[in-house]
N, C-alpha and C. Protein backbone atom coordinates (compact mmCIF):
# COMPACT_ATOMS: atom_id res chain seq x y z
N MET A 1 112.60 110.87 150.10
CA MET A 1 111.79 111.01 148.78
C MET A 1 110.52 110.73 149.04
N GLU A 2 109.51 111.56 148.64
CA GLU A 2 108.08 111.32 149.00
C GLU A 2 107.53 110.68 147.61
N GLN A 3 106.68 109.66 148.01
CA GLN A 3 106.03 108.78 147.07
C GLN A 3 105.04 109.65 146.32
N GLU A 4 104.94 109.53 144.90
CA GLU A 4 104.04 110.30 144.23
C GLU A 4 102.65 109.53 144.39
N LYS A 5 101.63 110.27 144.34
CA LYS A 5 100.32 109.57 144.41
C LYS A 5 99.92 109.18 143.03
N GLN A 6 99.52 107.71 142.91
CA GLN A 6 99.04 107.16 141.73
C GLN A 6 97.61 107.51 141.51
N LYS A 7 97.31 108.04 140.42
CA LYS A 7 95.98 108.33 139.99
C LYS A 7 95.43 107.21 139.35
N ARG A 8 94.09 106.83 139.55
CA ARG A 8 93.42 105.79 138.92
C ARG A 8 93.03 106.37 137.50
N PRO A 9 93.21 105.59 136.51
CA PRO A 9 92.80 105.91 135.15
C PRO A 9 91.23 106.24 135.20
N ALA A 10 90.84 107.22 134.37
CA ALA A 10 89.41 107.58 134.20
C ALA A 10 88.89 106.38 133.45
N ARG A 11 87.56 106.14 133.83
CA ARG A 11 86.83 105.04 133.23
C ARG A 11 86.45 105.52 131.83
N ARG A 12 86.52 104.75 130.77
CA ARG A 12 86.21 105.14 129.38
C ARG A 12 84.68 105.06 129.28
N ARG A 13 84.11 104.11 130.10
CA ARG A 13 82.47 103.88 129.92
C ARG A 13 82.03 103.67 131.27
N PRO A 14 80.83 104.08 131.48
CA PRO A 14 80.23 103.72 132.88
C PRO A 14 80.02 102.18 133.02
N ALA A 15 79.97 101.68 134.19
CA ALA A 15 79.72 100.39 134.43
C ALA A 15 78.37 99.97 133.96
N LYS A 16 78.33 98.74 133.55
CA LYS A 16 76.88 98.24 133.18
C LYS A 16 76.01 98.11 134.28
N SER A 17 74.71 98.35 133.97
CA SER A 17 73.66 98.15 135.09
C SER A 17 73.31 96.75 135.14
N GLN A 18 72.91 96.26 136.22
CA GLN A 18 72.39 94.86 136.32
C GLN A 18 71.26 94.53 135.34
N ALA A 19 70.44 95.53 134.84
CA ALA A 19 69.49 95.28 133.89
C ALA A 19 70.18 94.98 132.55
N GLU A 20 71.21 95.80 132.26
CA GLU A 20 71.98 95.61 130.94
C GLU A 20 72.64 94.24 131.00
N ILE A 21 73.26 93.73 132.04
CA ILE A 21 73.79 92.53 132.15
C ILE A 21 72.75 91.37 132.05
N ASP A 22 71.68 91.47 132.61
CA ASP A 22 70.51 90.59 132.56
C ASP A 22 70.03 90.48 131.05
N GLU A 23 70.03 91.58 130.37
CA GLU A 23 69.52 91.65 129.09
C GLU A 23 70.47 90.90 128.14
N PHE A 24 71.64 91.21 128.32
CA PHE A 24 72.87 90.47 127.53
C PHE A 24 72.68 88.98 127.60
N TRP A 25 72.64 88.40 128.95
CA TRP A 25 72.51 87.07 129.02
C TRP A 25 71.15 86.52 128.60
N ARG A 26 70.04 87.32 128.63
CA ARG A 26 68.85 86.92 128.12
C ARG A 26 68.96 86.66 126.52
N GLN A 27 69.58 87.49 125.92
CA GLN A 27 69.67 87.48 124.42
C GLN A 27 70.66 86.31 124.09
N PHE A 28 71.78 86.18 124.96
CA PHE A 28 72.78 85.21 124.69
C PHE A 28 72.15 83.80 124.71
N ASN A 29 71.31 83.57 125.77
CA ASN A 29 70.67 82.35 125.83
C ASN A 29 69.63 82.03 124.89
N GLU A 30 68.88 83.12 124.47
CA GLU A 30 67.90 83.09 123.28
C GLU A 30 68.55 82.56 121.86
N GLY A 31 69.70 83.23 121.67
CA GLY A 31 70.47 82.91 120.48
C GLY A 31 71.00 81.47 120.57
N TYR A 32 71.54 80.99 121.63
CA TYR A 32 71.98 79.70 121.78
C TYR A 32 70.89 78.71 121.60
N ALA A 33 69.74 78.99 122.20
CA ALA A 33 68.62 78.12 121.90
C ALA A 33 68.18 78.00 120.51
N ASN A 34 68.23 79.12 119.77
CA ASN A 34 67.77 79.14 118.42
C ASN A 34 68.74 78.33 117.50
N LEU A 35 70.09 78.50 118.01
CA LEU A 35 71.13 77.73 117.23
C LEU A 35 70.78 76.27 117.45
N LYS A 36 70.60 75.70 118.65
CA LYS A 36 70.34 74.34 118.98
C LYS A 36 69.10 73.92 118.21
N ALA A 37 68.21 74.75 118.02
CA ALA A 37 66.75 74.23 117.34
C ALA A 37 66.89 74.06 115.88
N ASP A 38 68.07 74.64 115.34
CA ASP A 38 68.17 74.37 113.92
C ASP A 38 69.27 73.15 113.76
N PRO A 39 68.98 72.01 113.37
CA PRO A 39 69.89 70.91 113.36
C PRO A 39 71.12 71.05 112.40
N GLN A 40 70.89 71.80 111.25
CA GLN A 40 71.97 72.02 110.30
C GLN A 40 72.88 72.92 110.92
N ALA A 41 72.34 74.13 111.53
CA ALA A 41 73.42 75.08 112.01
C ALA A 41 73.90 74.65 113.39
N TRP A 42 73.33 73.83 114.04
CA TRP A 42 74.00 73.09 115.19
C TRP A 42 75.06 72.24 114.88
N ALA A 43 74.82 71.53 113.85
CA ALA A 43 75.89 70.47 113.38
C ALA A 43 77.13 71.28 112.87
N GLU A 44 76.86 72.42 112.08
CA GLU A 44 78.08 73.36 111.65
C GLU A 44 78.69 73.82 112.86
N TYR A 45 77.94 74.24 113.81
CA TYR A 45 78.61 74.82 115.09
C TYR A 45 79.55 73.84 115.73
N GLN A 46 78.87 72.56 115.96
CA GLN A 46 79.68 71.46 116.69
C GLN A 46 80.88 71.16 115.83
N ALA A 47 80.83 71.20 114.42
CA ALA A 47 82.05 70.88 113.70
C ALA A 47 83.01 71.84 113.91
N GLU A 48 82.68 73.13 114.01
CA GLU A 48 83.68 74.33 114.12
C GLU A 48 84.28 74.10 115.43
N CYS A 49 83.45 73.86 116.38
CA CYS A 49 84.05 73.75 117.74
C CYS A 49 85.14 72.61 117.78
N LYS A 50 84.99 71.46 117.03
CA LYS A 50 85.96 70.35 117.06
C LYS A 50 87.17 70.87 116.38
N LEU A 51 87.09 71.75 115.36
CA LEU A 51 88.20 72.26 114.83
C LEU A 51 89.04 73.13 115.82
N TRP A 52 88.47 73.82 116.60
CA TRP A 52 89.09 74.86 117.59
C TRP A 52 89.68 73.91 118.61
N ASP A 53 89.08 72.88 118.97
CA ASP A 53 89.54 72.01 120.01
C ASP A 53 90.92 71.49 119.60
N ASN A 54 91.17 71.38 118.49
CA ASN A 54 92.56 70.90 118.06
C ASN A 54 93.58 71.95 118.25
N THR A 55 93.24 73.15 118.49
CA THR A 55 94.19 74.27 118.73
C THR A 55 94.62 74.33 120.14
N VAL A 56 93.66 73.82 121.02
CA VAL A 56 93.97 74.08 122.45
C VAL A 56 95.12 73.29 122.82
N GLY A 57 95.95 74.01 123.69
CA GLY A 57 97.23 73.32 124.17
C GLY A 57 98.37 73.65 123.24
N ASP A 58 98.14 73.90 121.96
CA ASP A 58 99.07 74.26 120.99
C ASP A 58 100.17 73.23 120.95
N GLY A 59 99.77 72.05 120.84
CA GLY A 59 100.65 70.94 120.69
C GLY A 59 101.28 70.35 121.83
N LEU A 60 100.91 70.94 123.04
CA LEU A 60 101.43 70.36 124.36
C LEU A 60 100.87 69.19 124.71
N GLY A 61 101.58 68.21 125.41
CA GLY A 61 101.14 67.07 125.78
C GLY A 61 100.18 67.12 127.01
N PRO A 62 99.65 65.97 127.42
CA PRO A 62 98.75 65.98 128.43
C PRO A 62 99.33 66.28 129.87
N GLU A 63 100.62 66.08 130.08
CA GLU A 63 101.31 66.53 131.21
C GLU A 63 101.36 67.84 131.58
N VAL A 64 101.07 68.83 130.66
CA VAL A 64 101.01 70.26 130.92
C VAL A 64 99.80 70.66 131.52
């Protein structure tokens, strides 16, 4: 029995260029810096992060 050749699925989008990747991270870092520069927004963000920290592990103990 001959093996059938497996075809690679066609890409749905072309790969991102390095310039696009760099621009993404530039915008990300700029947005994060703006968030940290606003004390009220930063406090709200930190409070939300603490809420999400409670979901990590889904009730599993530290031994896992």
